[in-house]
Amino acid sequence: GNSWEFPAKMSPSKRIIMNLQRAGMLVGGFVVIVADSGSDLGHPEKIQTELEKFKIPSQIRICSAHKQPGRLESLIAMYNKSTEPLMLISCASGSDALSGVASSLAKFPVVSCPPD
């Protein structure tokens, strides 16, 4: 008879994601907008409004690379486990350490979009 084998070059997690996408159960992507302080919220909110026009789900998070490096590391570690396509937009002024630290830890694209 016929024999069946798993595809040799595809990891099981990638195969599951592809099957969920093919079934329409996993669609689109997600954008995390990270600001380094609450005083910068106007800029991330404008970005979120623009993403909503394209029906791209997003979430605004506040996390400083200088004041909360451990929290930033934990946040990115959590998003590194995401099965959805993901992108992080960093909204930090000044030295913009946030985008540099985030891009060094992330397994997904990080885009710097400073408010100034």
PDB file of N, CA and C in Angstrom:
ATOM      1  N   GLY A   1       0.765  -1.166   0.000  1.00  0.00           N
ATOM      2  CA  GLY A   1       0.000   0.000   0.000  1.00  0.00           C
ATOM      3  C   GLY A   1       0.830   1.265   0.000  1.00  0.00           C
ATOM      4  N   ASN A   2       0.096   2.285   0.264  1.00  0.00           N
ATOM      5  CA  ASN A   2       0.693   3.622   0.316  1.00  0.00           C
ATOM      6  C   ASN A   2       1.320   3.869   1.679  1.00  0.00           C
ATOM      7  N   SER A   3       2.445   4.556   1.683  1.00  0.00           N
ATOM      8  CA  SER A   3       3.044   4.953   2.950  1.00  0.00           C
ATOM      9  C   SER A   3       3.011   6.471   3.049  1.00  0.00           C
ATOM     10  N   TRP A   4       2.968   6.966   4.281  1.00  0.00           N
ATOM     11  CA  TRP A   4       2.887   8.398   4.512  1.00  0.00           C
ATOM     12  C   TRP A   4       4.031   8.819   5.410  1.00  0.00           C
ATOM     13  N   GLU A   5       4.651   9.974   5.098  1.00  0.00           N
ATOM     14  CA  GLU A   5       5.741  10.496   5.897  1.00  0.00           C
ATOM     15  C   GLU A   5       5.532  11.985   6.139  1.00  0.00           C
ATOM     16  N   PHE A   6       5.980  12.460   7.301  1.00  0.00           N
ATOM     17  CA  PHE A   6       5.964  13.890   7.582  1.00  0.00           C
ATOM     18  C   PHE A   6       6.922  14.590   6.627  1.00  0.00           C
ATOM     19  N   PRO A   7       6.604  15.813   6.219  1.00  0.00           N
ATOM     20  CA  PRO A   7       7.570  16.576   5.420  1.00  0.00           C
ATOM     21  C   PRO A   7       8.883  16.712   6.196  1.00  0.00           C
ATOM     22  N   ALA A   8       9.972  16.404   5.557  1.00  0.00           N
ATOM     23  CA  ALA A   8      11.266  16.322   6.234  1.00  0.00           C
ATOM     24  C   ALA A   8      11.835  17.684   6.625  1.00  0.00           C
ATOM     25  N   LYS A   9      11.599  18.719   5.859  1.00  0.00           N
ATOM     26  CA  LYS A   9      12.296  19.979   6.091  1.00  0.00           C
ATOM     27  C   LYS A   9      11.473  21.029   6.826  1.00  0.00           C
ATOM     28  N   MET A  10      10.316  20.674   7.358  1.00  0.00           N
ATOM     29  CA  MET A  10       9.479  21.662   8.020  1.00  0.00           C
ATOM     30  C   MET A  10       9.282  21.275   9.484  1.00  0.00           C
ATOM     31  N   SER A  11       9.542  22.231  10.371  1.00  0.00           N
ATOM     32  CA  SER A  11       9.364  21.951  11.793  1.00  0.00           C
ATOM     33  C   SER A  11       7.870  21.785  12.090  1.00  0.00           C
ATOM     34  N   PRO A  12       7.538  21.004  13.106  1.00  0.00           N
ATOM     35  CA  PRO A  12       6.123  20.823  13.460  1.00  0.00           C
ATOM     36  C   PRO A  12       5.410  22.138  13.769  1.00  0.00           C
ATOM     37  N   SER A  13       6.084  23.080  14.462  1.00  0.00           N
ATOM     38  CA  SER A  13       5.423  24.346  14.797  1.00  0.00           C
ATOM     39  C   SER A  13       5.114  25.158  13.535  1.00  0.00           C
ATOM     40  N   LYS A  14       6.009  25.165  12.581  1.00  0.00           N
ATOM     41  CA  LYS A  14       5.764  25.884  11.323  1.00  0.00           C
ATOM     42  C   LYS A  14       4.603  25.236  10.562  1.00  0.00           C
ATOM     43  N   ARG A  15       4.554  23.914  10.562  1.00  0.00           N
ATOM     44  CA  ARG A  15       3.481  23.183   9.881  1.00  0.00           C
ATOM     45  C   ARG A  15       2.123  23.501  10.523  1.00  0.00           C
ATOM     46  N   ILE A  16       2.083  23.580  11.856  1.00  0.00           N
ATOM     47  CA  ILE A  16       0.841  23.908  12.551  1.00  0.00           C
ATOM     48  C   ILE A  16       0.388  25.312  12.171  1.00  0.00           C
ATOM     49  N   ILE A  17       1.315  26.266  12.168  1.00  0.00           N
ATOM     50  CA  ILE A  17       0.977  27.644  11.801  1.00  0.00           C
ATOM     51  C   ILE A  17       0.448  27.709  10.373  1.00  0.00           C
ATOM     52  N   MET A  18       1.109  27.034   9.456  1.00  0.00           N
ATOM     53  CA  MET A  18       0.650  27.040   8.057  1.00  0.00           C
ATOM     54  C   MET A  18      -0.745  26.433   7.933  1.00  0.00           C
ATOM     55  N   ASN A  19      -1.010  25.358   8.659  1.00  0.00           N
ATOM     56  CA  ASN A  19      -2.327  24.733   8.603  1.00  0.00           C
ATOM     57  C   ASN A  19      -3.405  25.646   9.190  1.00  0.00           C
ATOM     58  N   LEU A  20      -3.082  26.343  10.289  1.00  0.00           N
ATOM     59  CA  LEU A  20      -4.037  27.291  10.872  1.00  0.00           C
ATOM     60  C   LEU A  20      -4.305  28.451   9.924  1.00  0.00           C
ATOM     61  N   GLN A  21      -3.268  28.934   9.237  1.00  0.00           N
ATOM     62  CA  GLN A  21      -3.452  30.002   8.257  1.00  0.00           C
ATOM     63  C   GLN A  21      -4.294  29.521   7.082  1.00  0.00           C
ATOM     64  N   ARG A  22      -4.014  28.316   6.608  1.00  0.00           N
ATOM     65  CA  ARG A  22      -4.760  27.747   5.483  1.00  0.00           C
ATOM     66  C   ARG A  22      -6.237  27.581   5.840  1.00  0.00           C
ATOM     67  N   ALA A  23      -6.521  27.244   7.112  1.00  0.00           N
ATOM     68  CA  ALA A  23      -7.898  27.052   7.556  1.00  0.00           C
ATOM     69  C   ALA A  23      -8.594  28.369   7.896  1.00  0.00           C
ATOM     70  N   GLY A  24      -7.856  29.483   7.837  1.00  0.00           N
ATOM     71  CA  GLY A  24      -8.438  30.782   8.142  1.00  0.00           C
ATOM     72  C   GLY A  24      -8.572  31.053   9.624  1.00  0.00           C
ATOM     73  N   MET A  25      -7.931  30.243  10.448  1.00  0.00           N
ATOM     74  CA  MET A  25      -8.022  30.420  11.892  1.00  0.00           C
ATOM     75  C   MET A  25      -6.936  31.346  12.439  1.00  0.00           C
ATOM     76  N   LEU A  26      -5.920  31.584  11.673  1.00  0.00           N
ATOM     77  CA  LEU A  26      -4.828  32.471  12.056  1.00  0.00           C
ATOM     78  C   LEU A  26      -4.603  33.400  10.877  1.00  0.00           C
ATOM     79  N   VAL A  27      -5.014  34.647  11.042  1.00  0.00           N
ATOM     80  CA  VAL A  27      -4.938  35.573   9.920  1.00  0.00           C
ATOM     81  C   VAL A  27      -4.238  36.859  10.329  1.00  0.00           C
ATOM     82  N   GLY A  28      -3.743  37.550   9.341  1.00  0.00           N
ATOM     83  CA  GLY A  28      -3.177  38.863   9.566  1.00  0.00           C
ATOM     84  C   GLY A  28      -1.943  38.862  10.428  1.00  0.00           C
ATOM     85  N   GLY A  29      -1.794  39.926  11.149  1.00  0.00           N
ATOM     86  CA  GLY A  29      -0.649  40.094  12.011  1.00  0.00           C
ATOM     87  C   GLY A  29      -1.011  40.967  13.188  1.00  0.00           C
ATOM     88  N   PHE A  30      -0.016  41.377  13.919  1.00  0.00           N
ATOM     89  CA  PHE A  30      -0.221  42.146  15.122  1.00  0.00           C
ATOM     90  C   PHE A  30       0.945  43.111  15.268  1.00  0.00           C
ATOM     91  N   VAL A  31       0.665  44.328  15.718  1.00  0.00           N
ATOM     92  CA  VAL A  31       1.704  45.329  15.916  1.00  0.00           C
ATOM     93  C   VAL A  31       1.711  45.749  17.378  1.00  0.00           C
ATOM     94  N   VAL A  32       2.878  45.693  17.983  1.00  0.00           N
ATOM     95  CA  VAL A  32       3.067  46.191  19.341  1.00  0.00           C
ATOM     96  C   VAL A  32       3.737  47.556  19.211  1.00  0.00           C
ATOM     97  N   ILE A  33       3.119  48.555  19.784  1.00  0.00           N
ATOM     98  CA  ILE A  33       3.674  49.906  19.762  1.00  0.00           C
ATOM     99  C   ILE A  33       4.197  50.179  21.170  1.00  0.00           C
ATOM    100  N   VAL A  34       5.501  50.354  21.292  1.00  0.00           N
ATOM    101  CA  VAL A  34       6.111  50.536  22.607  1.00  0.00           C
ATOM    102  C   VAL A  34       6.657  51.952  22.735  1.00  0.00           C
ATOM    103  N   ALA A  35       6.198  52.646  23.772  1.00  0.00           N
ATOM    104  CA  ALA A  35       6.707  53.981  24.092  1.00  0.00           C
ATOM    105  C   ALA A  35       7.554  53.879  25.349  1.00  0.00           C
ATOM    106  N   ASP A  36       8.560  54.749  25.464  1.00  0.00           N
ATOM    107  CA  ASP A  36       9.432  54.663  26.627  1.00  0.00           C
ATOM    108  C   ASP A  36       8.883  55.377  27.853  1.00  0.00           C
ATOM    109  N   SER A  37       7.821  56.182  27.672  1.00  0.00           N
ATOM    110  CA  SER A  37       7.184  56.815  28.831  1.00  0.00           C
ATOM    111  C   SER A  37       5.745  57.180  28.489  1.00  0.00           C
ATOM    112  N   GLY A  38       4.949  57.355  29.520  1.00  0.00           N
ATOM    113  CA  GLY A  38       3.552  57.718  29.329  1.00  0.00           C
ATOM    114  C   GLY A  38       3.375  59.114  28.760  1.00  0.00           C
ATOM    115  N   SER A  39       4.390  59.965  28.888  1.00  0.00           N
ATOM    116  CA  SER A  39       4.285  61.327  28.351  1.00  0.00           C
ATOM    117  C   SER A  39       4.339  61.349  26.829  1.00  0.00           C
ATOM    118  N   ASP A  40       4.765  60.226  26.223  1.00  0.00           N
ATOM    119  CA  ASP A  40       4.862  60.137  24.762  1.00  0.00           C
ATOM    120  C   ASP A  40       3.646  59.472  24.125  1.00  0.00           C
ATOM    121  N   LEU A  41       2.535  59.339  24.849  1.00  0.00           N
ATOM    122  CA  LEU A  41       1.389  58.568  24.344  1.00  0.00           C
ATOM    123  C   LEU A  41       0.713  59.147  23.105  1.00  0.00           C
ATOM    124  N   GLY A  42       0.807  60.446  22.879  1.00  0.00           N
ATOM    125  CA  GLY A  42       0.158  61.039  21.709  1.00  0.00           C
ATOM    126  C   GLY A  42       0.649  60.430  20.410  1.00  0.00           C
ATOM    127  N   HIS A  43       1.935  60.224  20.296  1.00  0.00           N
ATOM    128  CA  HIS A  43       2.525  59.668  19.067  1.00  0.00           C
ATOM    129  C   HIS A  43       2.102  58.203  18.842  1.00  0.00           C
ATOM    130  N   PRO A  44       2.222  57.318  19.833  1.00  0.00           N
ATOM    131  CA  PRO A  44       1.758  55.941  19.627  1.00  0.00           C
ATOM    132  C   PRO A  44       0.264  55.845  19.311  1.00  0.00           C
ATOM    133  N   GLU A  45      -0.530  56.721  19.915  1.00  0.00           N
ATOM    134  CA  GLU A  45      -1.966  56.705  19.630  1.00  0.00           C
ATOM    135  C   GLU A  45      -2.252  57.083  18.179  1.00  0.00           C
ATOM    136  N   LYS A  46      -1.475  58.014  17.618  1.00  0.00           N
ATOM    137  CA  LYS A  46      -1.625  58.368  16.197  1.00  0.00           C
ATOM    138  C   LYS A  46      -1.279  57.170  15.306  1.00  0.00           C
ATOM    139  N   ILE A  47      -0.225  56.461  15.665  1.00  0.00           N
ATOM    140  CA  ILE A  47       0.170  55.266  14.898  1.00  0.00           C
ATOM    141  C   ILE A  47      -0.932  54.224  14.976  1.00  0.00           C
ATOM    142  N   GLN A  48      -1.471  54.014  16.172  1.00  0.00           N
ATOM    143  CA  GLN A  48      -2.534  53.029  16.349  1.00  0.00           C
ATOM    144  C   GLN A  48      -3.772  53.394  15.527  1.00  0.00           C
ATOM    145  N   THR A  49      -4.105  54.672  15.471  1.00  0.00           N
ATOM    146  CA  THR A  49      -5.248  55.132  14.667  1.00  0.00           C
ATOM    147  C   THR A  49      -5.029  54.813  13.189  1.00  0.00           C
ATOM    148  N   GLU A  50      -3.819  55.038  12.697  1.00  0.00           N
ATOM    149  CA  GLU A  50      -3.522  54.727  11.301  1.00  0.00           C
ATOM    150  C   GLU A  50      -3.601  53.219  11.039  1.00  0.00           C
ATOM    151  N   LEU A  51      -3.117  52.401  11.970  1.00  0.00           N
ATOM    152  CA  LEU A  51      -3.186  50.945  11.802  1.00  0.00           C
ATOM    153  C   LEU A  51      -4.635  50.462  11.768  1.00  0.00           C
ATOM    154  N   GLU A  52      -5.493  51.087  12.585  1.00  0.00           N
ATOM    155  CA  GLU A  52      -6.908  50.716  12.617  1.00  0.00           C
ATOM    156  C   GLU A  52      -7.571  50.923  11.261  1.00  0.00           C
ATOM    157  N   LYS A  53      -7.126  51.911  10.497  1.00  0.00           N
ATOM    158  CA  LYS A  53      -7.688  52.158   9.166  1.00  0.00           C
ATOM    159  C   LYS A  53      -7.471  50.955   8.247  1.00  0.00           C
ATOM    160  N   PHE A  54      -6.420  50.190   8.494  1.00  0.00           N
ATOM    161  CA  PHE A  54      -6.111  49.003   7.698  1.00  0.00           C
ATOM    162  C   PHE A  54      -6.516  47.712   8.407  1.00  0.00           C
ATOM    163  N   LYS A  55      -7.274  47.876   9.512  1.00  0.00           N
ATOM    164  CA  LYS A  55      -7.753  46.737  10.314  1.00  0.00           C
ATOM    165  C   LYS A  55      -6.598  45.863  10.823  1.00  0.00           C
ATOM    166  N   ILE A  56      -5.498  46.518  11.194  1.00  0.00           N
ATOM    167  CA  ILE A  56      -4.345  45.817  11.759  1.00  0.00           C
ATOM    168  C   ILE A  56      -4.427  45.958  13.274  1.00  0.00           C
ATOM    169  N   PRO A  57      -4.587  44.849  13.985  1.00  0.00           N
ATOM    170  CA  PRO A  57      -4.670  44.935  15.445  1.00  0.00           C
ATOM    171  C   PRO A  57      -3.343  45.385  16.048  1.00  0.00           C
ATOM    172  N   SER A  58      -3.449  46.201  17.094  1.00  0.00           N
ATOM    173  CA  SER A  58      -2.245  46.704  17.739  1.00  0.00           C
ATOM    174  C   SER A  58      -2.502  46.912  19.224  1.00  0.00           C
ATOM    175  N   GLN A  59      -1.416  47.064  19.945  1.00  0.00           N
ATOM    176  CA  GLN A  59      -1.489  47.311  21.377  1.00  0.00           C
ATOM    177  C   GLN A  59      -0.364  48.267  21.740  1.00  0.00           C
ATOM    178  N   ILE A  60      -0.671  49.241  22.595  1.00  0.00           N
ATOM    179  CA  ILE A  60       0.340  50.180  23.063  1.00  0.00           C
ATOM    180  C   ILE A  60       0.856  49.704  24.420  1.00  0.00           C
ATOM    181  N   ARG A  61       2.164  49.642  24.560  1.00  0.00           N
ATOM    182  CA  ARG A  61       2.808  49.265  25.812  1.00  0.00           C
ATOM    183  C   ARG A  61       3.795  50.359  26.199  1.00  0.00           C
ATOM    184  N   ILE A  62       3.950  50.600  27.492  1.00  0.00           N
ATOM    185  CA  ILE A  62       4.926  51.560  28.003  1.00  0.00           C
ATOM    186  C   ILE A  62       6.039  50.768  28.673  1.00  0.00           C
ATOM    187  N   CYS A  63       7.265  50.974  28.213  1.00  0.00           N
ATOM    188  CA  CYS A  63       8.390  50.239  28.781  1.00  0.00           C
ATOM    189  C   CYS A  63       9.692  50.942  28.402  1.00  0.00           C
ATOM    190  N   SER A  64      10.448  51.339  29.400  1.00  0.00           N
ATOM    191  CA  SER A  64      11.697  52.056  29.166  1.00  0.00           C
ATOM    192  C   SER A  64      12.882  51.093  29.141  1.00  0.00           C
ATOM    193  N   ALA A  65      13.726  51.242  28.135  1.00  0.00           N
ATOM    194  CA  ALA A  65      14.934  50.413  28.063  1.00  0.00           C
ATOM    195  C   ALA A  65      15.924  50.819  29.151  1.00  0.00           C
ATOM    196  N   HIS A  66      15.875  52.078  29.589  1.00  0.00           N
ATOM    197  CA  HIS A  66      16.790  52.568  30.619  1.00  0.00           C
ATOM    198  C   HIS A  66      16.304  52.222  32.024  1.00  0.00           C
ATOM    199  N   LYS A  67      15.013  52.471  32.297  1.00  0.00           N
ATOM    200  CA  LYS A  67      14.478  52.314  33.643  1.00  0.00           C
ATOM    201  C   LYS A  67      13.935  50.909  33.924  1.00  0.00           C
ATOM    202  N   GLN A  68      13.539  50.182  32.880  1.00  0.00           N
ATOM    203  CA  GLN A  68      12.917  48.867  33.060  1.00  0.00           C
ATOM    204  C   GLN A  68      13.481  47.834  32.082  1.00  0.00           C
ATOM    205  N   PRO A  69      14.786  47.632  32.026  1.00  0.00           N
ATOM    206  CA  PRO A  69      15.344  46.706  31.033  1.00  0.00           C
ATOM    207  C   PRO A  69      14.857  45.269  31.224  1.00  0.00           C
ATOM    208  N   GLY A  70      14.674  44.854  32.460  1.00  0.00           N
ATOM    209  CA  GLY A  70      14.175  43.499  32.710  1.00  0.00           C
ATOM    210  C   GLY A  70      12.750  43.315  32.227  1.00  0.00           C
ATOM    211  N   ARG A  71      11.934  44.335  32.430  1.00  0.00           N
ATOM    212  CA  ARG A  71      10.542  44.276  31.966  1.00  0.00           C
ATOM    213  C   ARG A  71      10.489  44.231  30.437  1.00  0.00           C
ATOM    214  N   LEU A  72      11.342  45.030  29.794  1.00  0.00           N
ATOM    215  CA  LEU A  72      11.398  45.022  28.334  1.00  0.00           C
ATOM    216  C   LEU A  72      11.832  43.649  27.820  1.00  0.00           C
ATOM    217  N   GLU A  73      12.824  43.071  28.466  1.00  0.00           N
ATOM    218  CA  GLU A  73      13.296  41.745  28.067  1.00  0.00           C
ATOM    219  C   GLU A  73      12.184  40.701  28.216  1.00  0.00           C
ATOM    220  N   SER A  74      11.438  40.753  29.314  1.00  0.00           N
ATOM    221  CA  SER A  74      10.327  39.817  29.530  1.00  0.00           C
ATOM    222  C   SER A  74       9.219  40.018  28.496  1.00  0.00           C
ATOM    223  N   LEU A  75       8.924  41.277  28.199  1.00  0.00           N
ATOM    224  CA  LEU A  75       7.887  41.594  27.219  1.00  0.00           C
ATOM    225  C   LEU A  75       8.244  41.017  25.848  1.00  0.00           C
ATOM    226  N   ILE A  76       9.473  41.230  25.418  1.00  0.00           N
ATOM    227  CA  ILE A  76       9.890  40.740  24.102  1.00  0.00           C
ATOM    228  C   ILE A  76       9.985  39.218  24.100  1.00  0.00           C
ATOM    229  N   ALA A  77      10.421  38.616  25.196  1.00  0.00           N
ATOM    230  CA  ALA A  77      10.456  37.146  25.285  1.00  0.00           C
ATOM    231  C   ALA A  77       9.056  36.571  25.113  1.00  0.00           C
ATOM    232  N   MET A  78       8.058  37.242  25.686  1.00  0.00           N
ATOM    233  CA  MET A  78       6.667  36.784  25.535  1.00  0.00           C
ATOM    234  C   MET A  78       6.240  36.882  24.069  1.00  0.00           C
ATOM    235  N   TYR A  79       6.528  38.023  23.418  1.00  0.00           N
ATOM    236  CA  TYR A  79       6.135  38.192  22.025  1.00  0.00           C
ATOM    237  C   TYR A  79       6.953  37.299  21.086  1.00  0.00           C
ATOM    238  N   ASN A  80       8.152  36.921  21.463  1.00  0.00           N
ATOM    239  CA  ASN A  80       8.945  35.991  20.643  1.00  0.00           C
ATOM    240  C   ASN A  80       8.265  34.631  20.520  1.00  0.00           C
ATOM    241  N   LYS A  81       7.365  34.311  21.433  1.00  0.00           N
ATOM    242  CA  LYS A  81       6.642  33.032  21.405  1.00  0.00           C
ATOM    243  C   LYS A  81       5.362  33.100  20.571  1.00  0.00           C
ATOM    244  N   SER A  82       5.051  34.265  20.025  1.00  0.00           N
ATOM    245  CA  SER A  82       3.811  34.447  19.272  1.00  0.00           C
ATOM    246  C   SER A  82       3.789  33.583  18.018  1.00  0.00           C
ATOM    247  N   THR A  83       2.628  33.030  17.731  1.00  0.00           N
ATOM    248  CA  THR A  83       2.460  32.270  16.490  1.00  0.00           C
ATOM    249  C   THR A  83       1.994  33.168  15.347  1.00  0.00           C
ATOM    250  N   GLU A  84       1.532  34.371  15.676  1.00  0.00           N
ATOM    251  CA  GLU A  84       1.098  35.312  14.649  1.00  0.00           C
ATOM    252  C   GLU A  84       2.278  36.132  14.143  1.00  0.00           C
ATOM    253  N   PRO A  85       2.213  36.565  12.893  1.00  0.00           N
ATOM    254  CA  PRO A  85       3.221  37.510  12.422  1.00  0.00           C
ATOM    255  C   PRO A  85       3.153  38.777  13.286  1.00  0.00           C
ATOM    256  N   LEU A  86       4.291  39.279  13.668  1.00  0.00           N
ATOM    257  CA  LEU A  86       4.346  40.357  14.643  1.00  0.00           C
ATOM    258  C   LEU A  86       5.386  41.381  14.239  1.00  0.00           C
ATOM    259  N   MET A  87       5.112  42.640  14.586  1.00  0.00           N
ATOM    260  CA  MET A  87       6.073  43.710  14.377  1.00  0.00           C
ATOM    261  C   MET A  87       6.001  44.636  15.576  1.00  0.00           C
ATOM    262  N   LEU A  88       7.126  45.193  15.975  1.00  0.00           N
ATOM    263  CA  LEU A  88       7.173  46.141  17.073  1.00  0.00           C
ATOM    264  C   LEU A  88       7.559  47.499  16.523  1.00  0.00           C
ATOM    265  N   ILE A  89       6.799  48.525  16.902  1.00  0.00           N
ATOM    266  CA  ILE A  89       7.143  49.895  16.554  1.00  0.00           C
ATOM    267  C   ILE A  89       7.599  50.569  17.835  1.00  0.00           C
ATOM    268  N   SER A  90       8.824  51.037  17.829  1.00  0.00           N
ATOM    269  CA  SER A  90       9.423  51.687  18.986  1.00  0.00           C
ATOM    270  C   SER A  90       9.254  53.194  18.868  1.00  0.00           C
ATOM    271  N   CYS A  91       8.631  53.798  19.882  1.00  0.00           N
ATOM    272  CA  CYS A  91       8.406  55.242  19.888  1.00  0.00           C
ATOM    273  C   CYS A  91       9.145  55.836  21.075  1.00  0.00           C
ATOM    274  N   ALA A  92      10.410  56.110  20.896  1.00  0.00           N
ATOM    275  CA  ALA A  92      11.216  56.675  21.974  1.00  0.00           C
ATOM    276  C   ALA A  92      11.967  57.887  21.463  1.00  0.00           C
ATOM    277  N   SER A  93      12.052  58.877  22.322  1.00  0.00           N
ATOM    278  CA  SER A  93      12.801  60.077  21.942  1.00  0.00           C
ATOM    279  C   SER A  93      14.190  60.016  22.566  1.00  0.00           C
ATOM    280  N   GLY A  94      14.958  61.051  22.334  1.00  0.00           N
ATOM    281  CA  GLY A  94      16.297  61.114  22.920  1.00  0.00           C
ATOM    282  C   GLY A  94      17.241  60.113  22.295  1.00  0.00           C
ATOM    283  N   SER A  95      17.886  59.317  23.117  1.00  0.00           N
ATOM    284  CA  SER A  95      18.887  58.362  22.622  1.00  0.00           C
ATOM    285  C   SER A  95      18.262  57.183  21.885  1.00  0.00           C
ATOM    286  N   ASP A  96      16.967  56.973  22.059  1.00  0.00           N
ATOM    287  CA  ASP A  96      16.233  55.868  21.420  1.00  0.00           C
ATOM    288  C   ASP A  96      16.892  54.514  21.683  1.00  0.00           C
ATOM    289  N   ALA A  97      17.271  54.281  22.924  1.00  0.00           N
ATOM    290  CA  ALA A  97      17.831  52.983  23.303  1.00  0.00           C
ATOM    291  C   ALA A  97      16.789  51.882  23.158  1.00  0.00           C
ATOM    292  N   LEU A  98      15.515  52.261  23.242  1.00  0.00           N
ATOM    293  CA  LEU A  98      14.432  51.278  23.176  1.00  0.00           C
ATOM    294  C   LEU A  98      14.479  50.442  21.905  1.00  0.00           C
ATOM    295  N   SER A  99      14.615  51.079  20.751  1.00  0.00           N
ATOM    296  CA  SER A  99      14.612  50.318  19.494  1.00  0.00           C
ATOM    297  C   SER A  99      15.856  49.444  19.367  1.00  0.00           C
ATOM    298  N   GLY A 100      16.996  49.932  19.835  1.00  0.00           N
ATOM    299  CA  GLY A 100      18.219  49.134  19.764  1.00  0.00           C
ATOM    300  C   GLY A 100      18.158  47.908  20.642  1.00  0.00           C
ATOM    301  N   VAL A 101      17.695  48.079  21.875  1.00  0.00           N
ATOM    302  CA  VAL A 101      17.579  46.939  22.792  1.00  0.00           C
ATOM    303  C   VAL A 101      16.516  45.971  22.279  1.00  0.00           C
ATOM    304  N   ALA A 102      15.384  46.518  21.848  1.00  0.00           N
ATOM    305  CA  ALA A 102      14.302  45.657  21.348  1.00  0.00           C
ATOM    306  C   ALA A 102      14.749  44.837  20.146  1.00  0.00           C
ATOM    307  N   SER A 103      15.438  45.464  19.210  1.00  0.00           N
ATOM    308  CA  SER A 103      15.850  44.728  18.008  1.00  0.00           C
ATOM    309  C   SER A 103      16.911  43.675  18.324  1.00  0.00           C
ATOM    310  N   SER A 104      17.688  43.894  19.371  1.00  0.00           N
ATOM    311  CA  SER A 104      18.687  42.880  19.729  1.00  0.00           C
ATOM    312  C   SER A 104      18.058  41.653  20.373  1.00  0.00           C
ATOM    313  N   LEU A 105      16.879  41.810  20.950  1.00  0.00           N
ATOM    314  CA  LEU A 105      16.206  40.702  21.643  1.00  0.00           C
ATOM    315  C   LEU A 105      15.116  40.028  20.804  1.00  0.00           C
ATOM    316  N   ALA A 106      14.562  40.764  19.852  1.00  0.00           N
ATOM    317  CA  ALA A 106      13.373  40.288  19.133  1.00  0.00           C
ATOM    318  C   ALA A 106      13.706  39.353  17.981  1.00  0.00           C
ATOM    319  N   LYS A 107      12.786  38.418  17.742  1.00  0.00           N
ATOM    320  CA  LYS A 107      12.871  37.509  16.593  1.00  0.00           C
ATOM    321  C   LYS A 107      11.924  37.979  15.493  1.00  0.00           C
ATOM    322  N   PHE A 108      11.482  39.213  15.583  1.00  0.00           N
ATOM    323  CA  PHE A 108      10.543  39.804  14.632  1.00  0.00           C
ATOM    324  C   PHE A 108      11.031  41.208  14.303  1.00  0.00           C
ATOM    325  N   PRO A 109      10.498  41.818  13.260  1.00  0.00           N
ATOM    326  CA  PRO A 109      10.959  43.154  12.871  1.00  0.00           C
ATOM    327  C   PRO A 109      10.669  44.217  13.931  1.00  0.00           C
ATOM    328  N   VAL A 110      11.606  45.110  14.114  1.00  0.00           N
ATOM    329  CA  VAL A 110      11.451  46.264  15.005  1.00  0.00           C
ATOM    330  C   VAL A 110      11.698  47.521  14.164  1.00  0.00           C
ATOM    331  N   VAL A 111      10.743  48.440  14.213  1.00  0.00           N
ATOM    332  CA  VAL A 111      10.838  49.675  13.450  1.00  0.00           C
ATOM    333  C   VAL A 111      10.881  50.844  14.435  1.00  0.00           C
ATOM    334  N   SER A 112      11.846  51.711  14.272  1.00  0.00           N
ATOM    335  CA  SER A 112      11.949  52.889  15.131  1.00  0.00           C
ATOM    336  C   SER A 112      11.173  54.030  14.509  1.00  0.00           C
ATOM    337  N   CYS A 113      10.276  54.616  15.296  1.00  0.00           N
ATOM    338  CA  CYS A 113       9.466  55.735  14.820  1.00  0.00           C
ATOM    339  C   CYS A 113       9.397  56.784  15.934  1.00  0.00           C
ATOM    340  N   PRO A 114      10.495  57.518  16.139  1.00  0.00           N
ATOM    341  CA  PRO A 114      10.533  58.486  17.241  1.00  0.00           C
ATOM    342  C   PRO A 114       9.540  59.634  17.058  1.00  0.00           C
ATOM    343  N   PRO A 115       9.064  60.177  18.163  1.00  0.00           N
ATOM    344  CA  PRO A 115       8.070  61.253  18.073  1.00  0.00           C
ATOM    345  C   PRO A 115       8.640  62.581  17.614  1.00  0.00           C
ATOM    346  N   ASP A 116       9.952  62.747  17.679  1.00  0.00           N
ATOM    347  CA  ASP A 116      10.529  64.039  17.290  1.00  0.00           C
ATOM    348  C   ASP A 116      11.242  63.977  15.971  1.00  0.00           C
TER     349      ASP A 116
END
